[in-house]
Amino acid sequence: MSSTVEKVRPEPAPRVMAVMPAYNASATLERTVADIPSESVQDILLVDDCSRDDTVEVARRLGLRVIQHPENRGYGGNQKTCYDDALATDADIIVMIHPDYQYDSRVIPHLVSFIRLGICDVMLGSRIRTRSEALAGGMPIWKYIANRVLTIIENMALGQNLGDFHSGLRAYRREVLEAIPYHANSDGFVFDTEFLVQCVHFGYKLGDVPVPVRYFDEASSIDFGNSVRYGLQTLAALAKFWLQRVGLARSPLFVRATGSAPGRAPSTSTDCGPGSTRARGPGAARGRRGGSGAAGGAATATRTGA
């Protein structure tokens, strides 16, 4: 009596794309890219939000794909271009990381693994493993307190248990970006909070892993005034979530996206100001993986490399 053993074929590895919403990141971009583990991502896109330094030139030298905004669209507006382009590729998992070297890009494979295994749909890098580590890493005490207060409120309001709701290192399953109506979100800093609130509304699973804290002069950080505004906008996003949940109000933030995301109207701006760099046209197609991409509106994509 013979028996046959059926071989189980391993699932193909997901295609991972990293997107970097950039503004004046020339001093830190190369270090951020250098720390990304080899072969952990197949494509890296940098979207430049009309920087006044050499961010675009550094990105080109590193062989990254580059999209330039002809005018500053804000942090949220930058991410909308990032995700529009990502959805125009065949990426399965999209990692968003700030190019300011504040987040340790060596942990990207770990974020991806939780999504690949089906444990989570969204993964964040948490800067708050312990209070002493956060403060020793240079996080200002007022920023630490604000982060703790807001994160506690958000966890309670959304039924989560995340360590840091305000991380600039995130990974998403493709299906999340396809469903979230992120074009309805703010173009400002609260885009991130609105996105996570939307993820909870649509039932996606959120998780996080610890990342070292790195605050230094070149790392980007919003000032106290903008932080206060951001905190109030975060509370407003939570209020919209609950008003929607109990049926007292309806918000476009919670209307599931269908089809491709709408593009922006073309900009009339022609100059980013002193030291601006404008795209001169498409370059040679490459990147870490030569997939094609697209962005809505007047952004110009340049693909560079050897």
C-alpha atoms as a PDB file:
ATOM      1  CA  MET A   1       0.000   0.000   0.000  1.00  0.00           C
ATOM      2  CA  SER A   2       1.592   3.203  -1.092  1.00  0.00           C
ATOM      3  CA  SER A   3       1.011   6.677   0.124  1.00  0.00           C
ATOM      4  CA  THR A   4       1.768   9.956  -1.486  1.00  0.00           C
ATOM      5  CA  VAL A   5       2.923  13.031   0.315  1.00  0.00           C
ATOM      6  CA  GLU A   6       1.597  16.204  -1.190  1.00  0.00           C
ATOM      7  CA  LYS A   7       4.142  18.941  -1.222  1.00  0.00           C
ATOM      8  CA  VAL A   8       2.973  22.252   0.116  1.00  0.00           C
ATOM      9  CA  ARG A   9       4.102  25.066  -2.080  1.00  0.00           C
ATOM     10  CA  PRO A  10       5.273  28.127  -0.160  1.00  0.00           C
ATOM     11  CA  GLU A  11       3.293  31.272  -0.783  1.00  0.00           C
ATOM     12  CA  PRO A  12       5.110  33.793  -2.954  1.00  0.00           C
ATOM     13  CA  ALA A  13       6.690  36.645  -1.070  1.00  0.00           C
ATOM     14  CA  PRO A  14       4.613  39.825  -1.131  1.00  0.00           C
ATOM     15  CA  ARG A  15       5.842  42.780  -3.124  1.00  0.00           C
ATOM     16  CA  VAL A  16       6.721  45.547  -0.693  1.00  0.00           C
ATOM     17  CA  MET A  17       6.917  49.214  -1.597  1.00  0.00           C
ATOM     18  CA  ALA A  18       8.263  51.986   0.632  1.00  0.00           C
ATOM     19  CA  VAL A  19       6.924  55.518   0.251  1.00  0.00           C
ATOM     20  CA  MET A  20       8.543  58.588   1.754  1.00  0.00           C
ATOM     21  CA  PRO A  21       6.626  61.873   2.098  1.00  0.00           C
ATOM     22  CA  ALA A  22       9.519  64.324   2.053  1.00  0.00           C
ATOM     23  CA  TYR A  23      10.073  67.993   2.785  1.00  0.00           C
ATOM     24  CA  ASN A  24      13.601  69.361   3.265  1.00  0.00           C
ATOM     25  CA  ALA A  25      15.045  65.911   4.016  1.00  0.00           C
ATOM     26  CA  SER A  26      18.369  66.121   2.190  1.00  0.00           C
ATOM     27  CA  ALA A  27      20.429  65.847   5.405  1.00  0.00           C
ATOM     28  CA  THR A  28      18.787  62.604   6.571  1.00  0.00           C
ATOM     29  CA  LEU A  29      17.447  60.825   3.497  1.00  0.00           C
ATOM     30  CA  GLU A  30      20.573  58.832   2.678  1.00  0.00           C
ATOM     31  CA  ARG A  31      20.867  57.435   6.214  1.00  0.00           C
ATOM     32  CA  THR A  32      17.198  56.435   6.212  1.00  0.00           C
ATOM     33  CA  VAL A  33      17.540  54.579   2.905  1.00  0.00           C
ATOM     34  CA  ALA A  34      20.851  52.966   3.899  1.00  0.00           C
ATOM     35  CA  ASP A  35      19.242  51.329   6.947  1.00  0.00           C
ATOM     36  CA  ILE A  36      16.466  49.624   4.958  1.00  0.00           C
ATOM     37  CA  PRO A  37      17.447  45.924   4.938  1.00  0.00           C
ATOM     38  CA  SER A  38      18.523  44.632   1.567  1.00  0.00           C
ATOM     39  CA  GLU A  39      15.742  42.931  -0.414  1.00  0.00           C
ATOM     40  CA  SER A  40      13.098  43.886   2.165  1.00  0.00           C
ATOM     41  CA  VAL A  41      11.456  46.309  -0.266  1.00  0.00           C
ATOM     42  CA  GLN A  42      11.295  46.126  -4.039  1.00  0.00           C
ATOM     43  CA  ASP A  43      10.453  49.750  -4.790  1.00  0.00           C
ATOM     44  CA  ILE A  44      11.104  53.052  -3.037  1.00  0.00           C
ATOM     45  CA  LEU A  45       9.188  56.208  -3.932  1.00  0.00           C
ATOM     46  CA  LEU A  46       9.963  59.664  -2.579  1.00  0.00           C
ATOM     47  CA  VAL A  47       7.325  62.364  -2.969  1.00  0.00           C
ATOM     48  CA  ASP A  48       8.900  65.789  -2.558  1.00  0.00           C
ATOM     49  CA  ASP A  49       6.563  68.490  -1.273  1.00  0.00           C
ATOM     50  CA  CYS A  50       8.365  71.411  -2.890  1.00  0.00           C
ATOM     51  CA  SER A  51      11.475  71.242  -0.709  1.00  0.00           C
ATOM     52  CA  ARG A  52      13.841  74.197  -0.505  1.00  0.00           C
ATOM     53  CA  ASP A  53      16.941  72.037  -0.159  1.00  0.00           C
ATOM     54  CA  ASP A  54      18.572  69.252  -2.209  1.00  0.00           C
ATOM     55  CA  THR A  55      16.138  66.464  -1.289  1.00  0.00           C
ATOM     56  CA  VAL A  56      15.302  65.664  -4.917  1.00  0.00           C
ATOM     57  CA  GLU A  57      18.939  65.611  -6.008  1.00  0.00           C
ATOM     58  CA  VAL A  58      19.892  63.262  -3.157  1.00  0.00           C
ATOM     59  CA  ALA A  59      16.951  60.966  -3.966  1.00  0.00           C
ATOM     60  CA  ARG A  60      17.967  60.809  -7.627  1.00  0.00           C
ATOM     61  CA  ARG A  61      21.546  60.020  -6.708  1.00  0.00           C
ATOM     62  CA  LEU A  62      20.299  57.136  -4.549  1.00  0.00           C
ATOM     63  CA  GLY A  63      18.291  55.749  -7.476  1.00  0.00           C
ATOM     64  CA  LEU A  64      14.870  56.340  -5.942  1.00  0.00           C
ATOM     65  CA  ARG A  65      11.740  57.047  -7.911  1.00  0.00           C
ATOM     66  CA  VAL A  66      10.772  60.665  -7.392  1.00  0.00           C
ATOM     67  CA  ILE A  67       7.543  62.611  -7.699  1.00  0.00           C
ATOM     68  CA  GLN A  68       7.753  66.375  -7.241  1.00  0.00           C
ATOM     69  CA  HIS A  69       4.877  68.581  -6.208  1.00  0.00           C
ATOM     70  CA  PRO A  70       5.013  71.953  -7.974  1.00  0.00           C
ATOM     71  CA  GLU A  71       3.619  73.529  -4.803  1.00  0.00           C
ATOM     72  CA  ASN A  72       3.573  72.580  -1.137  1.00  0.00           C
ATOM     73  CA  ARG A  73       0.457  70.473  -0.519  1.00  0.00           C
ATOM     74  CA  GLY A  74       0.985  69.685   3.136  1.00  0.00           C
ATOM     75  CA  TYR A  75       1.870  66.468   4.937  1.00  0.00           C
ATOM     76  CA  GLY A  76      -1.473  64.813   4.242  1.00  0.00           C
ATOM     77  CA  GLY A  77      -1.504  65.983   0.645  1.00  0.00           C
ATOM     78  CA  ASN A  78       1.927  64.431   0.203  1.00  0.00           C
ATOM     79  CA  GLN A  79       0.726  61.063   1.475  1.00  0.00           C
ATOM     80  CA  LYS A  80      -2.244  61.123  -0.893  1.00  0.00           C
ATOM     81  CA  THR A  81       0.214  61.258  -3.793  1.00  0.00           C
ATOM     82  CA  CYS A  82       2.279  58.471  -2.182  1.00  0.00           C
ATOM     83  CA  TYR A  83      -0.690  56.132  -1.930  1.00  0.00           C
ATOM     84  CA  ASP A  84      -2.134  57.017  -5.337  1.00  0.00           C
ATOM     85  CA  ASP A  85       1.169  55.964  -6.864  1.00  0.00           C
ATOM     86  CA  ALA A  86       1.426  52.826  -4.720  1.00  0.00           C
ATOM     87  CA  LEU A  87      -2.021  51.673  -5.852  1.00  0.00           C
ATOM     88  CA  ALA A  88      -0.961  52.149  -9.469  1.00  0.00           C
ATOM     89  CA  THR A  89       1.765  49.530  -8.933  1.00  0.00           C
ATOM     90  CA  ASP A  90       1.460  45.841  -8.047  1.00  0.00           C
ATOM     91  CA  ALA A  91       2.655  46.344  -4.456  1.00  0.00           C
ATOM     92  CA  ASP A  92       1.007  44.039  -1.895  1.00  0.00           C
ATOM     93  CA  ILE A  93       2.251  45.874   1.212  1.00  0.00           C
ATOM     94  CA  ILE A  94       3.028  49.582   1.398  1.00  0.00           C
ATOM     95  CA  VAL A  95       5.367  50.967   4.046  1.00  0.00           C
ATOM     96  CA  MET A  96       5.290  54.688   4.826  1.00  0.00           C
ATOM     97  CA  ILE A  97       8.382  56.044   6.543  1.00  0.00           C
ATOM     98  CA  HIS A  98       9.463  59.604   7.218  1.00  0.00           C
ATOM     99  CA  PRO A  99      12.843  60.245   5.568  1.00  0.00           C
ATOM    100  CA  ASP A 100      14.080  62.308   8.530  1.00  0.00           C
ATOM    101  CA  TYR A 101      15.890  59.364  10.193  1.00  0.00           C
ATOM    102  CA  GLN A 102      13.722  59.661  13.293  1.00  0.00           C
ATOM    103  CA  TYR A 103      12.449  56.107  12.731  1.00  0.00           C
ATOM    104  CA  ASP A 104      14.609  53.002  12.468  1.00  0.00           C
ATOM    105  CA  SER A 105      14.003  51.565   9.012  1.00  0.00           C
ATOM    106  CA  ARG A 106      15.727  48.302   9.997  1.00  0.00           C
ATOM    107  CA  VAL A 107      12.418  47.133  11.520  1.00  0.00           C
ATOM    108  CA  ILE A 108      10.549  47.249   8.192  1.00  0.00           C
ATOM    109  CA  PRO A 109      10.777  43.444   7.684  1.00  0.00           C
ATOM    110  CA  HIS A 110       9.151  42.931  11.091  1.00  0.00           C
ATOM    111  CA  LEU A 111       6.246  45.238  10.262  1.00  0.00           C
ATOM    112  CA  VAL A 112       5.776  43.397   6.979  1.00  0.00           C
ATOM    113  CA  SER A 113       5.864  39.962   8.653  1.00  0.00           C
ATOM    114  CA  PHE A 114       2.845  40.679  10.869  1.00  0.00           C
ATOM    115  CA  ILE A 115       0.856  41.692   7.793  1.00  0.00           C
ATOM    116  CA  ARG A 116       2.107  38.788   5.677  1.00  0.00           C
ATOM    117  CA  LEU A 117       1.068  36.295   8.373  1.00  0.00           C
ATOM    118  CA  GLY A 118      -2.416  37.778   8.508  1.00  0.00           C
ATOM    119  CA  ILE A 119      -2.045  38.862  12.128  1.00  0.00           C
ATOM    120  CA  CYS A 120      -2.587  42.538  11.363  1.00  0.00           C
ATOM    121  CA  ASP A 121      -3.663  44.692   8.430  1.00  0.00           C
ATOM    122  CA  VAL A 122      -1.907  47.831   9.665  1.00  0.00           C
ATOM    123  CA  MET A 123       1.368  48.006  11.586  1.00  0.00           C
ATOM    124  CA  LEU A 124       2.960  50.993  13.312  1.00  0.00           C
ATOM    125  CA  GLY A 125       6.399  51.592  14.773  1.00  0.00           C
ATOM    126  CA  SER A 126       5.961  52.669  18.395  1.00  0.00           C
ATOM    127  CA  ARG A 127       8.487  55.132  19.828  1.00  0.00           C
ATOM    128  CA  ILE A 128       7.147  54.706  23.369  1.00  0.00           C
ATOM    129  CA  ARG A 129       8.398  51.373  24.690  1.00  0.00           C
ATOM    130  CA  THR A 130       9.323  52.997  28.005  1.00  0.00           C
ATOM    131  CA  ARG A 131       9.269  56.574  29.268  1.00  0.00           C
ATOM    132  CA  SER A 132      13.005  56.573  29.978  1.00  0.00           C
ATOM    133  CA  GLU A 133      13.877  55.396  26.461  1.00  0.00           C
ATOM    134  CA  ALA A 134      11.642  57.997  24.833  1.00  0.00           C
ATOM    135  CA  LEU A 135      13.133  60.854  26.823  1.00  0.00           C
ATOM    136  CA  ALA A 136      16.697  59.555  26.493  1.00  0.00           C
ATOM    137  CA  GLY A 137      16.156  59.483  22.720  1.00  0.00           C
ATOM    138  CA  GLY A 138      15.579  63.229  22.748  1.00  0.00           C
ATOM    139  CA  MET A 139      11.778  63.443  22.736  1.00  0.00           C
ATOM    140  CA  PRO A 140      10.838  66.760  24.406  1.00  0.00           C
ATOM    141  CA  ILE A 141       8.997  66.263  27.674  1.00  0.00           C
ATOM    142  CA  TRP A 142       5.976  68.283  26.508  1.00  0.00           C
ATOM    143  CA  LYS A 143       5.758  66.206  23.353  1.00  0.00           C
ATOM    144  CA  TYR A 144       5.996  62.993  25.370  1.00  0.00           C
ATOM    145  CA  ILE A 145       3.177  64.083  27.690  1.00  0.00           C
ATOM    146  CA  ALA A 146       0.996  65.164  24.750  1.00  0.00           C
ATOM    147  CA  ASN A 147       1.652  61.853  22.984  1.00  0.00           C
ATOM    148  CA  ARG A 148       0.734  59.841  26.076  1.00  0.00           C
ATOM    149  CA  VAL A 149      -2.472  61.794  26.747  1.00  0.00           C
ATOM    150  CA  LEU A 150      -3.678  61.643  23.144  1.00  0.00           C
ATOM    151  CA  THR A 151      -2.735  57.982  22.703  1.00  0.00           C
ATOM    152  CA  ILE A 152      -4.609  56.995  25.885  1.00  0.00           C
ATOM    153  CA  ILE A 153      -7.708  58.894  24.713  1.00  0.00           C
ATOM    154  CA  GLU A 154      -7.490  57.353  21.242  1.00  0.00           C
ATOM    155  CA  ASN A 155      -7.077  53.832  22.602  1.00  0.00           C
ATOM    156  CA  MET A 156     -10.123  54.268  24.832  1.00  0.00           C
ATOM    157  CA  ALA A 157     -12.248  55.877  22.111  1.00  0.00           C
ATOM    158  CA  LEU A 158     -11.325  53.353  19.426  1.00  0.00           C
ATOM    159  CA  GLY A 159     -11.001  50.173  21.492  1.00  0.00           C
ATOM    160  CA  GLN A 160      -7.324  49.699  20.648  1.00  0.00           C
ATOM    161  CA  ASN A 161      -4.146  49.108  22.634  1.00  0.00           C
ATOM    162  CA  LEU A 162      -1.442  50.838  20.592  1.00  0.00           C
ATOM    163  CA  GLY A 163       1.680  52.303  22.127  1.00  0.00           C
ATOM    164  CA  ASP A 164       2.007  55.292  19.794  1.00  0.00           C
ATOM    165  CA  PHE A 165      -0.863  56.554  17.633  1.00  0.00           C
ATOM    166  CA  HIS A 166       1.334  59.267  16.113  1.00  0.00           C
ATOM    167  CA  SER A 167       4.103  57.290  14.479  1.00  0.00           C
ATOM    168  CA  GLY A 168       5.697  58.218  11.152  1.00  0.00           C
ATOM    169  CA  LEU A 169       6.526  54.565  10.398  1.00  0.00           C
ATOM    170  CA  ARG A 170       3.557  52.535   9.173  1.00  0.00           C
ATOM    171  CA  ALA A 171       2.808  49.529   6.981  1.00  0.00           C
ATOM    172  CA  TYR A 172      -0.481  48.788   5.248  1.00  0.00           C
ATOM    173  CA  ARG A 173      -1.934  45.827   3.445  1.00  0.00           C
ATOM    174  CA  ARG A 174      -2.860  46.941  -0.063  1.00  0.00           C
ATOM    175  CA  GLU A 175      -6.540  46.260   0.554  1.00  0.00           C
ATOM    176  CA  VAL A 176      -6.530  48.870   3.319  1.00  0.00           C
ATOM    177  CA  LEU A 177      -5.458  51.633   0.947  1.00  0.00           C
ATOM    178  CA  GLU A 178      -8.012  50.454  -1.607  1.00  0.00           C
ATOM    179  CA  ALA A 179     -10.867  50.748   0.905  1.00  0.00           C
ATOM    180  CA  ILE A 180      -9.965  53.849   2.934  1.00  0.00           C
ATOM    181  CA  PRO A 181     -11.292  57.087   1.344  1.00  0.00           C
ATOM    182  CA  TYR A 182      -8.090  58.950   2.177  1.00  0.00           C
ATOM    183  CA  HIS A 183      -8.770  61.708  -0.358  1.00  0.00           C
ATOM    184  CA  ALA A 184     -11.480  62.891   2.039  1.00  0.00           C
ATOM    185  CA  ASN A 185      -8.838  63.392   4.723  1.00  0.00           C
ATOM    186  CA  SER A 186      -7.044  66.566   5.730  1.00  0.00           C
ATOM    187  CA  ASP A 187      -3.990  67.747   3.809  1.00  0.00           C
ATOM    188  CA  GLY A 188      -2.384  68.581   7.163  1.00  0.00           C
ATOM    189  CA  PHE A 189      -0.791  66.586   9.970  1.00  0.00           C
ATOM    190  CA  VAL A 190      -4.071  65.118  11.226  1.00  0.00           C
ATOM    191  CA  PHE A 191      -4.247  62.979   8.055  1.00  0.00           C
ATOM    192  CA  ASP A 192      -2.519  60.165   9.985  1.00  0.00           C
ATOM    193  CA  THR A 193      -5.034  60.210  12.827  1.00  0.00           C
ATOM    194  CA  GLU A 194      -7.973  60.295  10.440  1.00  0.00           C
ATOM    195  CA  PHE A 195      -6.509  57.326   8.561  1.00  0.00           C
ATOM    196  CA  LEU A 196      -6.257  55.199  11.703  1.00  0.00           C
ATOM    197  CA  VAL A 197      -9.763  56.198  12.789  1.00  0.00           C
ATOM    198  CA  GLN A 198     -10.987  55.079   9.363  1.00  0.00           C
ATOM    199  CA  CYS A 199      -9.124  51.769   9.704  1.00  0.00           C
ATOM    200  CA  VAL A 200     -10.919  51.071  12.976  1.00  0.00           C
ATOM    201  CA  HIS A 201     -14.278  52.054  11.454  1.00  0.00           C
ATOM    202  CA  PHE A 202     -13.800  49.574   8.590  1.00  0.00           C
ATOM    203  CA  GLY A 203     -12.715  46.789  10.927  1.00  0.00           C
ATOM    204  CA  TYR A 204      -9.027  46.459  10.075  1.00  0.00           C
ATOM    205  CA  LYS A 205      -6.629  44.988  12.638  1.00  0.00           C
ATOM    206  CA  LEU A 206      -3.980  47.351  14.012  1.00  0.00           C
ATOM    207  CA  GLY A 207      -0.705  46.451  15.742  1.00  0.00           C
ATOM    208  CA  ASP A 208       2.695  47.894  16.516  1.00  0.00           C
ATOM    209  CA  VAL A 209       6.326  47.049  17.232  1.00  0.00           C
ATOM    210  CA  PRO A 210       8.826  49.131  19.227  1.00  0.00           C
ATOM    211  CA  VAL A 211      11.310  51.354  17.394  1.00  0.00           C
ATOM    212  CA  PRO A 212      14.110  53.437  18.916  1.00  0.00           C
ATOM    213  CA  VAL A 213      13.437  57.137  19.471  1.00  0.00           C
ATOM    214  CA  ARG A 214      15.717  59.554  17.604  1.00  0.00           C
ATOM    215  CA  TYR A 215      15.164  63.281  18.031  1.00  0.00           C
ATOM    216  CA  PHE A 216      17.935  65.548  16.748  1.00  0.00           C
ATOM    217  CA  ASP A 217      18.324  68.881  14.976  1.00  0.00           C
ATOM    218  CA  GLU A 218      17.864  67.525  11.439  1.00  0.00           C
ATOM    219  CA  ALA A 219      14.822  65.389  12.324  1.00  0.00           C
ATOM    220  CA  SER A 220      11.513  67.008  11.398  1.00  0.00           C
ATOM    221  CA  SER A 221       9.155  67.944  14.202  1.00  0.00           C
ATOM    222  CA  ILE A 222       6.123  70.211  14.361  1.00  0.00           C
ATOM    223  CA  ASP A 223       6.315  73.165  16.735  1.00  0.00           C
ATOM    224  CA  PHE A 224       4.231  73.723  19.855  1.00  0.00           C
ATOM    225  CA  GLY A 225       1.551  75.826  18.157  1.00  0.00           C
ATOM    226  CA  ASN A 226       0.971  73.300  15.381  1.00  0.00           C
ATOM    227  CA  SER A 227       1.052  70.502  17.957  1.00  0.00           C
ATOM    228  CA  VAL A 228      -1.809  72.122  19.879  1.00  0.00           C
ATOM    229  CA  ARG A 229      -3.789  72.488  16.651  1.00  0.00           C
ATOM    230  CA  TYR A 230      -3.021  68.869  15.776  1.00  0.00           C
ATOM    231  CA  GLY A 231      -4.228  67.704  19.203  1.00  0.00           C
ATOM    232  CA  LEU A 232      -7.551  69.507  18.800  1.00  0.00           C
ATOM    233  CA  GLN A 233      -7.971  68.109  15.303  1.00  0.00           C
ATOM    234  CA  THR A 234      -7.271  64.617  16.658  1.00  0.00           C
ATOM    235  CA  LEU A 235     -10.078  65.005  19.191  1.00  0.00           C
ATOM    236  CA  ALA A 236     -12.348  66.252  16.404  1.00  0.00           C
ATOM    237  CA  ALA A 237     -11.576  63.108  14.356  1.00  0.00           C
ATOM    238  CA  LEU A 238     -12.559  60.940  17.324  1.00  0.00           C
ATOM    239  CA  ALA A 239     -15.787  62.909  17.703  1.00  0.00           C
ATOM    240  CA  LYS A 240     -16.626  62.290  14.028  1.00  0.00           C
ATOM    241  CA  PHE A 241     -15.993  58.575  14.556  1.00  0.00           C
ATOM    242  CA  TRP A 242     -18.440  58.356  17.443  1.00  0.00           C
ATOM    243  CA  LEU A 243     -21.070  60.581  15.843  1.00  0.00           C
ATOM    244  CA  GLN A 244     -20.947  58.273  12.832  1.00  0.00           C
ATOM    245  CA  ARG A 245     -21.085  55.179  15.026  1.00  0.00           C
ATOM    246  CA  VAL A 246     -24.166  56.232  16.983  1.00  0.00           C
ATOM    247  CA  GLY A 247     -25.902  57.551  13.883  1.00  0.00           C
ATOM    248  CA  LEU A 248     -26.031  61.236  14.795  1.00  0.00           C
ATOM    249  CA  ALA A 249     -23.970  62.428  11.837  1.00  0.00           C
ATOM    250  CA  ARG A 250     -22.450  61.188   8.616  1.00  0.00           C
ATOM    251  CA  SER A 251     -18.918  62.012   7.471  1.00  0.00           C
ATOM    252  CA  PRO A 252     -17.254  61.431   4.080  1.00  0.00           C
ATOM    253  CA  LEU A 253     -14.338  59.986   6.071  1.00  0.00           C
ATOM    254  CA  PHE A 254     -16.365  56.811   6.499  1.00  0.00           C
ATOM    255  CA  VAL A 255     -17.643  56.214   2.980  1.00  0.00           C
ATOM    256  CA  ARG A 256     -15.740  53.230   1.620  1.00  0.00           C
ATOM    257  CA  ALA A 257     -13.634  54.083  -1.422  1.00  0.00           C
ATOM    258  CA  THR A 258     -14.677  52.537  -4.722  1.00  0.00           C
ATOM    259  CA  GLY A 259     -12.475  52.398  -7.786  1.00  0.00           C
ATOM    260  CA  SER A 260      -9.452  54.626  -8.256  1.00  0.00           C
ATOM    261  CA  ALA A 261      -8.863  57.629  -6.035  1.00  0.00           C
ATOM    262  CA  PRO A 262      -9.709  61.003  -7.540  1.00  0.00           C
ATOM    263  CA  GLY A 263      -6.815  63.172  -8.612  1.00  0.00           C
ATOM    264  CA  ARG A 264      -6.214  66.763  -7.643  1.00  0.00           C
ATOM    265  CA  ALA A 265      -7.030  69.715  -9.791  1.00  0.00           C
ATOM    266  CA  PRO A 266      -3.929  71.031 -11.556  1.00  0.00           C
ATOM    267  CA  SER A 267      -2.050  73.618  -9.543  1.00  0.00           C
ATOM    268  CA  THR A 268      -1.531  77.160 -10.752  1.00  0.00           C
ATOM    269  CA  SER A 269       1.628  77.538  -8.687  1.00  0.00           C
ATOM    270  CA  THR A 270       4.821  77.705 -10.705  1.00  0.00           C
ATOM    271  CA  ASP A 271       7.468  78.329  -8.065  1.00  0.00           C
ATOM    272  CA  CYS A 272       8.291  76.770  -4.720  1.00  0.00           C
ATOM    273  CA  GLY A 273      10.275  79.781  -3.567  1.00  0.00           C
ATOM    274  CA  PRO A 274      14.016  80.317  -3.062  1.00  0.00           C
ATOM    275  CA  GLY A 275      16.094  77.228  -3.665  1.00  0.00           C
ATOM    276  CA  SER A 276      13.223  75.368  -5.287  1.00  0.00           C
ATOM    277  CA  THR A 277      13.830  72.443  -7.627  1.00  0.00           C
ATOM    278  CA  ARG A 278      11.393  71.641 -10.408  1.00  0.00           C
ATOM    279  CA  ALA A 279      11.163  68.467 -12.397  1.00  0.00           C
ATOM    280  CA  ARG A 280      12.710  68.748 -15.837  1.00  0.00           C
ATOM    281  CA  GLY A 281      10.967  65.696 -17.244  1.00  0.00           C
ATOM    282  CA  PRO A 282      11.016  61.943 -16.865  1.00  0.00           C
ATOM    283  CA  GLY A 283      14.328  60.197 -16.489  1.00  0.00           C
ATOM    284  CA  ALA A 284      15.356  56.603 -17.073  1.00  0.00           C
ATOM    285  CA  ALA A 285      12.877  54.131 -15.568  1.00  0.00           C
ATOM    286  CA  ARG A 286      14.291  52.223 -12.639  1.00  0.00           C
ATOM    287  CA  GLY A 287      14.042  52.283  -8.819  1.00  0.00           C
ATOM    288  CA  ARG A 288      14.637  49.243  -6.597  1.00  0.00           C
ATOM    289  CA  ARG A 289      12.023  47.524  -8.681  1.00  0.00           C
ATOM    290  CA  GLY A 290      11.150  49.069 -11.986  1.00  0.00           C
ATOM    291  CA  GLY A 291       7.386  49.148 -11.478  1.00  0.00           C
ATOM    292  CA  SER A 292       5.465  52.012 -12.994  1.00  0.00           C
ATOM    293  CA  GLY A 293       3.570  54.521 -10.891  1.00  0.00           C
ATOM    294  CA  ALA A 294       1.198  57.433 -11.248  1.00  0.00           C
ATOM    295  CA  ALA A 295       0.059  60.397  -9.194  1.00  0.00           C
ATOM    296  CA  GLY A 296      -2.953  62.638  -9.555  1.00  0.00           C
ATOM    297  CA  GLY A 297      -2.853  66.308 -10.448  1.00  0.00           C
ATOM    298  CA  ALA A 298       0.158  68.300 -11.543  1.00  0.00           C
ATOM    299  CA  ALA A 299       2.854  66.254  -9.792  1.00  0.00           C
ATOM    300  CA  THR A 300       5.685  65.243 -12.097  1.00  0.00           C
ATOM    301  CA  ALA A 301       7.191  61.764 -11.758  1.00  0.00           C
ATOM    302  CA  THR A 302      10.843  61.183 -12.496  1.00  0.00           C
ATOM    303  CA  ARG A 303      12.356  57.727 -12.426  1.00  0.00           C
ATOM    304  CA  THR A 304      16.079  57.779 -12.081  1.00  0.00           C
ATOM    305  CA  GLY A 305      18.958  55.406 -11.809  1.00  0.00           C
ATOM    306  CA  ALA A 306      21.780  53.814 -13.687  1.00  0.00           C
END
